[in-house]
């Protein structure tokens, strides 16, 4: 959703001679951040179960899912606020 605008902002600050390196670094860190985000939300989900996977019942899974989605939403909201402050400072 934000990858195109983020790539434009990041790569816009890179000189033409180093555009390939900048693009490669941007892509590498984007995939690294995605992997870490999935891992951390997975850890949050599993710790919210309060049981092992085999011992948890449906209500445990629903509670863990709601907590994981709520934290993901709060993080997305925080990112949106940070981006809006960046654009206000740019204008």
Protein backbone atom coordinates (compact mmCIF):
# COMPACT_ATOMS: atom_id res chain seq x y z
CA UNK A 1 0.00 0.00 0.00
CA UNK A 2 2.77 2.45 0.83
CA UNK A 3 5.67 0.81 -0.97
CA UNK A 4 5.49 2.99 -4.09
CA UNK A 5 5.44 6.30 -2.25
CA UNK A 6 8.09 5.12 0.21
CA UNK A 7 10.36 3.99 -2.63
CA UNK A 8 9.89 7.37 -4.33
CA UNK A 9 10.87 9.23 -1.16
CA UNK A 10 13.86 7.01 -0.36
CA UNK A 11 15.24 6.69 -3.88
CA UNK A 12 14.59 10.35 -4.64
CA UNK A 13 17.42 11.23 -2.26
CA UNK A 14 19.90 8.90 -4.01
CA UNK A 15 22.11 10.12 -6.84
CA UNK A 16 21.69 8.60 -10.31
CA UNK A 17 25.07 6.86 -10.06
CA UNK A 18 24.01 4.99 -6.93
CA UNK A 19 20.39 4.29 -7.88
CA UNK A 20 21.02 0.55 -8.26
CA UNK A 21 22.65 0.29 -4.85
CA UNK A 22 19.91 2.38 -3.26
CA UNK A 23 17.21 0.25 -4.84
CA UNK A 24 18.88 -2.96 -3.70
CA UNK A 25 19.27 -1.71 -0.14
CA UNK A 26 15.68 -0.48 -0.07
CA UNK A 27 14.38 -3.85 -1.24
CA UNK A 28 16.60 -5.76 1.19
CA UNK A 29 15.48 -3.74 4.19
CA UNK A 30 11.86 -3.88 3.07
CA UNK A 31 11.93 -7.69 3.04
CA UNK A 32 13.81 -7.76 6.34
CA UNK A 33 11.23 -5.50 7.97
CA UNK A 34 8.37 -7.61 6.58
CA UNK A 35 9.94 -10.80 7.94
CA UNK A 36 10.55 -9.28 11.36
CA UNK A 37 7.00 -7.94 11.49
CA UNK A 38 5.49 -11.33 10.71
CA UNK A 39 7.77 -13.01 13.26
CA UNK A 40 6.95 -10.52 16.02
CA UNK A 41 3.20 -10.68 15.44
CA UNK A 42 3.49 -14.49 15.40
CA UNK A 43 5.31 -14.39 18.74
CA UNK A 44 2.60 -12.09 20.12
CA UNK A 45 -0.11 -14.46 18.85
CA UNK A 46 1.51 -17.52 20.41
CA UNK A 47 2.16 -15.80 23.72
CA UNK A 48 -1.48 -14.60 23.80
CA UNK A 49 -2.74 -18.17 23.58
CA UNK A 50 -1.61 -18.94 27.16
CA UNK A 51 -1.56 -22.63 26.15
CA UNK A 52 0.37 -24.84 23.79
CA UNK A 53 -1.03 -25.04 20.27
CA UNK A 54 -2.51 -28.48 20.88
CA UNK A 55 -4.09 -27.54 24.24
CA UNK A 56 -5.65 -24.24 23.14
CA UNK A 57 -9.34 -24.16 22.34
CA UNK A 58 -11.26 -21.97 19.89
CA UNK A 59 -11.80 -19.10 22.34
CA UNK A 60 -8.03 -18.95 23.00
CA UNK A 61 -7.36 -18.67 19.27
CA UNK A 62 -10.01 -15.97 18.86
CA UNK A 63 -8.58 -13.93 21.76
CA UNK A 64 -5.02 -14.26 20.41
CA UNK A 65 -6.22 -13.24 16.93
CA UNK A 66 -8.02 -10.17 18.27
CA UNK A 67 -4.95 -9.10 20.25
CA UNK A 68 -2.69 -9.59 17.22
CA UNK A 69 -4.98 -7.63 14.91
CA UNK A 70 -5.37 -4.85 17.49
CA UNK A 71 -1.61 -4.47 17.89
CA UNK A 72 -1.15 -4.53 14.10
CA UNK A 73 -3.79 -1.82 13.76
CA UNK A 74 -2.17 0.35 16.43
CA UNK A 75 1.20 0.00 14.74
CA UNK A 76 -0.34 0.95 11.38
CA UNK A 77 -1.99 3.98 13.00
CA UNK A 78 1.32 5.01 14.57
CA UNK A 79 3.03 4.71 11.18
CA UNK A 80 0.31 6.84 9.58
CA UNK A 81 0.76 9.53 12.22
CA UNK A 82 4.54 9.51 11.72
CA UNK A 83 4.13 9.79 7.95
CA UNK A 84 1.67 12.67 8.32
CA UNK A 85 4.18 14.56 10.48
CA UNK A 86 6.89 13.96 7.88
CA UNK A 87 4.71 15.41 5.12
CA UNK A 88 3.74 18.42 7.27
CA UNK A 89 7.41 19.19 7.88
CA UNK A 90 8.16 18.82 4.16
CA UNK A 91 5.58 21.38 3.03
